[in-house]
C-alpha atoms as a PDB file:
ATOM      1  CA  MET A   1      27.551  -0.727 -16.372  1.00  0.00           C
ATOM      2  CA  ALA A   2      24.662   1.388 -17.634  1.00  0.00           C
ATOM      3  CA  ARG A   3      23.236  -1.600 -19.530  1.00  0.00           C
ATOM      4  CA  GLN A   4      23.459  -3.784 -16.426  1.00  0.00           C
ATOM      5  CA  GLN A   5      21.707  -1.156 -14.343  1.00  0.00           C
ATOM      6  CA  GLU A   6      18.937  -0.833 -16.917  1.00  0.00           C
ATOM      7  CA  ARG A   7      18.537  -4.607 -17.044  1.00  0.00           C
ATOM      8  CA  ALA A   8      18.329  -4.742 -13.247  1.00  0.00           C
ATOM      9  CA  ARG A   9      15.748  -1.943 -13.252  1.00  0.00           C
ATOM     10  CA  ARG A  10      13.623  -3.771 -15.803  1.00  0.00           C
ATOM     11  CA  THR A  11      13.869  -7.029 -13.885  1.00  0.00           C
ATOM     12  CA  ARG A  12      12.823  -5.339 -10.647  1.00  0.00           C
ATOM     13  CA  ALA A  13       9.900  -3.619 -12.373  1.00  0.00           C
ATOM     14  CA  ALA A  14       8.775  -6.909 -13.938  1.00  0.00           C
ATOM     15  CA  ILE A  15       8.824  -8.646 -10.551  1.00  0.00           C
ATOM     16  CA  ILE A  16       6.807  -5.834  -8.951  1.00  0.00           C
ATOM     17  CA  ARG A  17       4.291  -5.917 -11.778  1.00  0.00           C
ATOM     18  CA  SER A  18       3.894  -9.690 -11.535  1.00  0.00           C
ATOM     19  CA  ALA A  19       3.574  -9.431  -7.752  1.00  0.00           C
ATOM     20  CA  ALA A  20       0.849  -6.813  -8.154  1.00  0.00           C
ATOM     21  CA  VAL A  21      -1.105  -9.183 -10.394  1.00  0.00           C
ATOM     22  CA  GLU A  22      -0.735 -11.992  -7.856  1.00  0.00           C
ATOM     23  CA  PHE A  23      -1.567  -9.882  -4.798  1.00  0.00           C
ATOM     24  CA  GLY A  24      -4.529  -8.321  -6.573  1.00  0.00           C
ATOM     25  CA  LYS A  25      -5.886 -11.731  -7.539  1.00  0.00           C
ATOM     26  CA  SER A  26      -5.057 -13.838  -4.475  1.00  0.00           C
ATOM     27  CA  GLY A  27      -4.459 -11.411  -1.623  1.00  0.00           C
ATOM     28  CA  TYR A  28      -1.306 -11.360   0.465  1.00  0.00           C
ATOM     29  CA  ALA A  29      -1.537 -14.589   2.467  1.00  0.00           C
ATOM     30  CA  ALA A  30      -2.459 -16.797  -0.490  1.00  0.00           C
ATOM     31  CA  ALA A  31      -0.051 -15.158  -2.946  1.00  0.00           C
ATOM     32  CA  SER A  32       2.483 -17.558  -4.418  1.00  0.00           C
ATOM     33  CA  LEU A  33       6.097 -16.571  -4.954  1.00  0.00           C
ATOM     34  CA  ASN A  34       6.362 -19.239  -7.621  1.00  0.00           C
ATOM     35  CA  ARG A  35       3.495 -17.686  -9.577  1.00  0.00           C
ATOM     36  CA  ILE A  36       5.125 -14.270  -9.188  1.00  0.00           C
ATOM     37  CA  LEU A  37       8.375 -15.667 -10.589  1.00  0.00           C
ATOM     38  CA  GLU A  38       6.558 -17.320 -13.487  1.00  0.00           C
ATOM     39  CA  GLY A  39       4.750 -14.100 -14.324  1.00  0.00           C
ATOM     40  CA  SER A  40       7.915 -11.999 -14.195  1.00  0.00           C
ATOM     41  CA  ARG A  41      10.133 -14.545 -15.992  1.00  0.00           C
ATOM     42  CA  ALA A  42      12.835 -13.735 -13.453  1.00  0.00           C
ATOM     43  CA  THR A  43      15.016 -16.222 -11.609  1.00  0.00           C
ATOM     44  CA  LYS A  44      14.678 -16.893  -7.907  1.00  0.00           C
ATOM     45  CA  GLY A  45      18.150 -15.448  -7.459  1.00  0.00           C
ATOM     46  CA  ALA A  46      17.112 -12.227  -9.190  1.00  0.00           C
ATOM     47  CA  MET A  47      14.036 -11.926  -7.014  1.00  0.00           C
ATOM     48  CA  TYR A  48      15.998 -12.342  -3.782  1.00  0.00           C
ATOM     49  CA  PHE A  49      18.627  -9.925  -5.045  1.00  0.00           C
ATOM     50  CA  HIS A  50      15.962  -7.213  -5.161  1.00  0.00           C
ATOM     51  CA  PHE A  51      13.602  -8.340  -2.364  1.00  0.00           C
ATOM     52  CA  ASP A  52      14.240 -10.036   0.975  1.00  0.00           C
ATOM     53  CA  SER A  53      10.807 -11.602   1.404  1.00  0.00           C
ATOM     54  CA  LYS A  54       7.200 -11.668   0.241  1.00  0.00           C
ATOM     55  CA  GLU A  55       6.453  -8.836   2.675  1.00  0.00           C
ATOM     56  CA  ASP A  56       9.309  -6.795   1.218  1.00  0.00           C
ATOM     57  CA  LEU A  57       7.857  -7.388  -2.234  1.00  0.00           C
ATOM     58  CA  ALA A  58       4.372  -6.360  -1.105  1.00  0.00           C
ATOM     59  CA  ARG A  59       5.754  -3.144   0.338  1.00  0.00           C
ATOM     60  CA  ALA A  60       7.482  -2.434  -2.978  1.00  0.00           C
ATOM     61  CA  VAL A  61       4.087  -2.745  -4.682  1.00  0.00           C
ATOM     62  CA  LEU A  62       2.582  -0.351  -2.119  1.00  0.00           C
ATOM     63  CA  GLU A  63       5.423   2.158  -2.614  1.00  0.00           C
ATOM     64  CA  THR A  64       5.018   1.997  -6.387  1.00  0.00           C
ATOM     65  CA  ALA A  65       1.294   2.692  -6.036  1.00  0.00           C
ATOM     66  CA  VAL A  66       1.977   5.636  -3.722  1.00  0.00           C
ATOM     67  CA  ASP A  67       4.391   7.052  -6.297  1.00  0.00           C
ATOM     68  CA  ARG A  68       1.635   6.854  -8.914  1.00  0.00           C
ATOM     69  CA  TYR A  69      -0.872   8.587  -6.646  1.00  0.00           C
ATOM     70  CA  ARG A  70       1.677  11.296  -5.836  1.00  0.00           C
ATOM     71  CA  THR A  71       2.565  11.877  -9.489  1.00  0.00           C
ATOM     72  CA  SER A  72      -1.121  12.044 -10.414  1.00  0.00           C
ATOM     73  CA  ALA A  73      -2.001  14.480  -7.613  1.00  0.00           C
ATOM     74  CA  GLU A  74       0.955  16.755  -8.373  1.00  0.00           C
ATOM     75  CA  ARG A  75       0.103  16.838 -12.066  1.00  0.00           C
ATOM     76  CA  TRP A  76      -3.512  17.793 -11.443  1.00  0.00           C
ATOM     77  CA  LEU A  77      -2.673  20.326  -8.727  1.00  0.00           C
ATOM     78  CA  ALA A  78      -0.332  22.058 -11.183  1.00  0.00           C
ATOM     79  CA  ARG A  79      -3.141  22.724 -13.686  1.00  0.00           C
ATOM     80  CA  THR A  80      -3.735  26.454 -13.980  1.00  0.00           C
ATOM     81  CA  ASP A  81      -6.131  26.304 -16.933  1.00  0.00           C
ATOM     82  CA  LEU A  82      -8.985  24.906 -14.855  1.00  0.00           C
ATOM     83  CA  GLY A  83     -10.891  25.918 -11.750  1.00  0.00           C
ATOM     84  CA  PRO A  84     -10.220  23.871  -8.601  1.00  0.00           C
ATOM     85  CA  LEU A  85     -13.422  21.832  -8.761  1.00  0.00           C
ATOM     86  CA  ASP A  86     -12.742  20.822 -12.358  1.00  0.00           C
ATOM     87  CA  VAL A  87      -9.220  19.852 -11.307  1.00  0.00           C
ATOM     88  CA  LEU A  88     -10.720  17.758  -8.522  1.00  0.00           C
ATOM     89  CA  HIS A  89     -13.046  16.039 -10.956  1.00  0.00           C
ATOM     90  CA  GLY A  90     -10.161  15.232 -13.292  1.00  0.00           C
ATOM     91  CA  MET A  91      -8.075  13.832 -10.437  1.00  0.00           C
ATOM     92  CA  VAL A  92     -10.929  11.706  -9.096  1.00  0.00           C
ATOM     93  CA  ASP A  93     -11.674  10.469 -12.605  1.00  0.00           C
ATOM     94  CA  GLU A  94      -8.049   9.378 -12.961  1.00  0.00           C
ATOM     95  CA  VAL A  95      -8.227   7.471  -9.681  1.00  0.00           C
ATOM     96  CA  ALA A  96     -11.289   5.617 -10.993  1.00  0.00           C
ATOM     97  CA  LEU A  97      -9.483   4.802 -14.233  1.00  0.00           C
ATOM     98  CA  ARG A  98      -6.487   3.496 -12.326  1.00  0.00           C
ATOM     99  CA  LEU A  99      -8.643   1.356 -10.062  1.00  0.00           C
ATOM    100  CA  GLU A 100     -10.169  -0.147 -13.197  1.00  0.00           C
ATOM    101  CA  HIS A 101      -7.002  -0.590 -15.272  1.00  0.00           C
ATOM    102  CA  ASP A 102      -3.812  -0.102 -13.224  1.00  0.00           C
ATOM    103  CA  ILE A 103      -2.755  -3.404 -11.641  1.00  0.00           C
ATOM    104  CA  ILE A 104      -0.405  -1.626  -9.231  1.00  0.00           C
ATOM    105  CA  VAL A 105      -3.183   0.556  -7.819  1.00  0.00           C
ATOM    106  CA  GLN A 106      -5.572  -2.399  -7.803  1.00  0.00           C
ATOM    107  CA  ALA A 107      -3.061  -4.394  -5.760  1.00  0.00           C
ATOM    108  CA  GLU A 108      -2.593  -1.536  -3.295  1.00  0.00           C
ATOM    109  CA  PHE A 109      -6.343  -1.434  -2.690  1.00  0.00           C
ATOM    110  CA  ARG A 110      -6.355  -5.186  -2.037  1.00  0.00           C
ATOM    111  CA  LEU A 111      -3.308  -5.116   0.238  1.00  0.00           C
ATOM    112  CA  ILE A 112      -4.278  -2.245   2.540  1.00  0.00           C
ATOM    113  CA  ILE A 113      -7.531  -3.939   3.581  1.00  0.00           C
ATOM    114  CA  GLU A 114      -5.590  -6.946   4.916  1.00  0.00           C
ATOM    115  CA  PRO A 115      -4.482  -7.020   8.585  1.00  0.00           C
ATOM    116  CA  ASP A 116      -0.781  -7.228   7.693  1.00  0.00           C
ATOM    117  CA  PHE A 117      -0.964  -3.802   6.068  1.00  0.00           C
ATOM    118  CA  TYR A 118      -3.567  -1.855   8.059  1.00  0.00           C
ATOM    119  CA  ARG A 119      -0.894   0.572   9.247  1.00  0.00           C
ATOM    120  CA  ASP A 120       0.027   1.382   5.656  1.00  0.00           C
ATOM    121  CA  VAL A 121      -3.342   3.058   5.082  1.00  0.00           C
ATOM    122  CA  GLN A 122      -2.059   6.179   6.849  1.00  0.00           C
ATOM    123  CA  ALA A 123       0.757   6.549   4.313  1.00  0.00           C
ATOM    124  CA  GLY A 124      -1.045   5.185   1.262  1.00  0.00           C
ATOM    125  CA  GLY A 125      -2.591   6.625  -1.842  1.00  0.00           C
ATOM    126  CA  GLY A 126      -5.765   7.616  -0.023  1.00  0.00           C
ATOM    127  CA  ARG A 127      -3.820  10.011   2.190  1.00  0.00           C
ATOM    128  CA  ILE A 128      -2.236  11.662  -0.847  1.00  0.00           C
ATOM    129  CA  LEU A 129      -5.628  11.982  -2.516  1.00  0.00           C
ATOM    130  CA  GLY A 130      -7.077  13.445   0.682  1.00  0.00           C
ATOM    131  CA  ARG A 131      -4.387  16.100   0.963  1.00  0.00           C
ATOM    132  CA  ALA A 132      -4.870  17.100  -2.661  1.00  0.00           C
ATOM    133  CA  THR A 133      -8.649  17.212  -2.216  1.00  0.00           C
ATOM    134  CA  ARG A 134      -8.346  19.489   0.797  1.00  0.00           C
ATOM    135  CA  ALA A 135      -5.964  21.828  -1.049  1.00  0.00           C
ATOM    136  CA  LEU A 136      -8.437  22.058  -3.925  1.00  0.00           C
ATOM    137  CA  ALA A 137     -11.318  22.680  -1.507  1.00  0.00           C
ATOM    138  CA  VAL A 138      -9.423  25.643  -0.024  1.00  0.00           C
ATOM    139  CA  ARG A 139      -8.787  26.985  -3.526  1.00  0.00           C
ATOM    140  CA  ALA A 140     -12.458  26.511  -4.410  1.00  0.00           C
ATOM    141  CA  ILE A 141     -13.540  28.537  -1.366  1.00  0.00           C
ATOM    142  CA  ASP A 142     -11.050  31.291  -2.192  1.00  0.00           C
ATOM    143  CA  GLN A 143     -12.266  31.422  -5.800  1.00  0.00           C
ATOM    144  CA  GLY A 144     -15.970  31.449  -4.949  1.00  0.00           C
ATOM    145  CA  GLN A 145     -16.770  27.953  -6.191  1.00  0.00           C
ATOM    146  CA  LEU A 146     -17.534  26.557  -2.732  1.00  0.00           C
ATOM    147  CA  ARG A 147     -19.412  28.627  -0.144  1.00  0.00           C
ATOM    148  CA  ALA A 148     -17.352  30.748   2.231  1.00  0.00           C
ATOM    149  CA  ASP A 149     -18.685  28.757   5.197  1.00  0.00           C
ATOM    150  CA  ALA A 150     -17.722  25.398   3.671  1.00  0.00           C
ATOM    151  CA  ASP A 151     -15.369  23.364   5.866  1.00  0.00           C
ATOM    152  CA  PRO A 152     -12.449  21.947   3.797  1.00  0.00           C
ATOM    153  CA  ASP A 153     -11.881  19.113   6.269  1.00  0.00           C
ATOM    154  CA  ARG A 154     -15.538  18.081   6.275  1.00  0.00           C
ATOM    155  CA  PHE A 155     -15.604  18.332   2.481  1.00  0.00           C
ATOM    156  CA  THR A 156     -12.508  16.103   2.215  1.00  0.00           C
ATOM    157  CA  ARG A 157     -13.704  13.508   4.718  1.00  0.00           C
ATOM    158  CA  THR A 158     -17.087  13.186   3.044  1.00  0.00           C
ATOM    159  CA  ILE A 159     -15.678  12.826  -0.462  1.00  0.00           C
ATOM    160  CA  SER A 160     -13.028  10.341   0.676  1.00  0.00           C
ATOM    161  CA  ALA A 161     -15.632   8.188   2.427  1.00  0.00           C
ATOM    162  CA  ALA A 162     -18.024   8.360  -0.527  1.00  0.00           C
ATOM    163  CA  LEU A 163     -15.360   7.272  -3.021  1.00  0.00           C
ATOM    164  CA  ALA A 164     -14.105   4.461  -0.791  1.00  0.00           C
ATOM    165  CA  GLY A 165     -17.673   3.267  -0.310  1.00  0.00           C
ATOM    166  CA  GLN A 166     -18.317   3.217  -4.042  1.00  0.00           C
ATOM    167  CA  ARG A 167     -15.161   1.178  -4.613  1.00  0.00           C
ATOM    168  CA  TYR A 168     -16.096  -1.356  -1.929  1.00  0.00           C
ATOM    169  CA  LEU A 169     -19.579  -1.685  -3.438  1.00  0.00           C
ATOM    170  CA  ILE A 170     -17.997  -2.846  -6.703  1.00  0.00           C
ATOM    171  CA  ASP A 171     -16.788  -5.990  -4.926  1.00  0.00           C
ATOM    172  CA  ILE A 172     -20.334  -6.664  -3.727  1.00  0.00           C
ATOM    173  CA  LEU A 173     -22.154  -5.832  -6.945  1.00  0.00           C
ATOM    174  CA  GLY A 174     -19.609  -7.488  -9.213  1.00  0.00           C
ATOM    175  CA  SER A 175     -18.390  -6.500 -12.653  1.00  0.00           C
ATOM    176  CA  GLY A 176     -20.407  -4.366 -15.011  1.00  0.00           C
ATOM    177  CA  VAL A 177     -20.607  -1.358 -12.688  1.00  0.00           C
ATOM    178  CA  ASP A 178     -19.084   1.826 -14.130  1.00  0.00           C
ATOM    179  CA  LEU A 179     -16.739   3.002 -11.380  1.00  0.00           C
ATOM    180  CA  ARG A 180     -16.019   6.294 -13.125  1.00  0.00           C
ATOM    181  CA  ALA A 181     -19.727   7.097 -13.245  1.00  0.00           C
ATOM    182  CA  ARG A 182     -20.132   6.136  -9.578  1.00  0.00           C
ATOM    183  CA  PHE A 183     -17.179   8.304  -8.535  1.00  0.00           C
ATOM    184  CA  GLN A 184     -18.548  11.241 -10.534  1.00  0.00           C
ATOM    185  CA  GLU A 185     -21.963  10.784  -8.972  1.00  0.00           C
ATOM    186  CA  ALA A 186     -20.522  10.777  -5.436  1.00  0.00           C
ATOM    187  CA  LEU A 187     -18.393  13.831  -6.161  1.00  0.00           C
ATOM    188  CA  GLU A 188     -21.323  15.784  -7.604  1.00  0.00           C
ATOM    189  CA  VAL A 189     -23.566  15.098  -4.597  1.00  0.00           C
ATOM    190  CA  VAL A 190     -20.963  16.457  -2.171  1.00  0.00           C
ATOM    191  CA  VAL A 191     -19.847  19.372  -4.334  1.00  0.00           C
ATOM    192  CA  GLU A 192     -23.378  20.566  -5.102  1.00  0.00           C
ATOM    193  CA  ALA A 193     -24.233  20.526  -1.384  1.00  0.00           C
ATOM    194  CA  MET A 194     -21.427  23.015  -0.667  1.00  0.00           C
ATOM    195  CA  ALA A 195     -21.161  24.960  -3.927  1.00  0.00           C
ATOM    196  CA  THR A 196     -22.073  28.585  -4.420  1.00  0.00           C
ATOM    197  CA  PRO A 197     -25.234  29.269  -6.457  1.00  0.00           C
ATOM    198  CA  GLU A 198     -23.092  30.923  -9.140  1.00  0.00           C
ATOM    199  CA  TRP A 199     -20.904  27.843  -9.606  1.00  0.00           C
ATOM    200  CA  ALA A 200     -23.900  25.511  -9.499  1.00  0.00           C
ATOM    201  CA  GLU A 201     -25.657  27.483 -12.236  1.00  0.00           C
ATOM    202  CA  LYS A 202     -22.559  27.452 -14.426  1.00  0.00           C
ATOM    203  CA  PHE A 203     -22.073  23.746 -13.809  1.00  0.00           C
ATOM    204  CA  ARG A 204     -25.657  22.978 -14.869  1.00  0.00           C
ATOM    205  CA  ASN A 205     -24.947  24.711 -18.175  1.00  0.00           C
ATOM    206  CA  ASP A 206     -21.382  23.570 -18.842  1.00  0.00           C
ATOM    207  CA  GLY A 207     -20.781  20.346 -16.903  1.00  0.00           C
ATOM    208  CA  TRP A 208     -17.268  19.193 -16.041  1.00  0.00           C
ATOM    209  CA  ARG A 209     -14.382  20.597 -18.058  1.00  0.00           C
ATOM    210  CA  ALA A 210     -11.770  17.918 -17.294  1.00  0.00           C
ATOM    211  CA  GLN A 211     -11.516  14.165 -17.353  1.00  0.00           C
ATOM    212  CA  ALA A 212      -8.703  11.632 -17.334  1.00  0.00           C
ATOM    213  CA  ARG A 213      -7.640   9.755 -20.453  1.00  0.00           C
ATOM    214  CA  LEU A 214      -6.503   6.154 -20.265  1.00  0.00           C
ATOM    215  CA  GLU A 215      -3.897   6.606 -22.984  1.00  0.00           C
ATOM    216  CA  GLU A 216      -2.191   9.353 -20.991  1.00  0.00           C
ATOM    217  CA  LEU A 217      -1.587   7.257 -17.869  1.00  0.00           C
ATOM    218  CA  GLY A 218       1.311   5.186 -19.198  1.00  0.00           C
ATOM    219  CA  LEU A 219      -0.060   1.938 -17.799  1.00  0.00           C
ATOM    220  CA  GLY A 220       1.959  -0.170 -20.189  1.00  0.00           C
ATOM    221  CA  ALA A 221       5.175   0.881 -18.465  1.00  0.00           C
END
């Protein structure tokens, strides 16, 4: 029984991964179930055992991406060896890495900008990232990294919009743009506008103390 369950889990994961590749490449409407099956090496019967429809499959991709955002945010928020702004930088850097290399997260970004999934934006990875950003902004105010009069909501909205804008620009400018560098640039502009002089001076001397590492993200799973 345990072996059958593991085999079913692997089959389901393979179908989701193949679907993410197809949705990320073709979008939702043009995505082909046959290409998804070919990529997963699963049978049609296996696919319909796990998923009722193409929409059901797309929502499984979205849920998998949300799980990855949640795991990432929780891991960074749990760091006690870094100040809140360094934690924020590490988390944002990981998001950039995932948008560059994680096909599940790439597919989520493609799906939520399509009309069929507009409503999923409110429960997607961006919402998780926003909540984590706000929590870190509150910590940064409490610890004297952001000014006492800084507004955590304004801080979060501005960073979220700046990061989303940078990601959309990649589609316009094409490949060759370093998304991690663009995300870091956007983050620094907002942070430096609201930071205390003491933090700003230390940052000019030390720079960021945390960054994500591709090998630690488990993207082969």
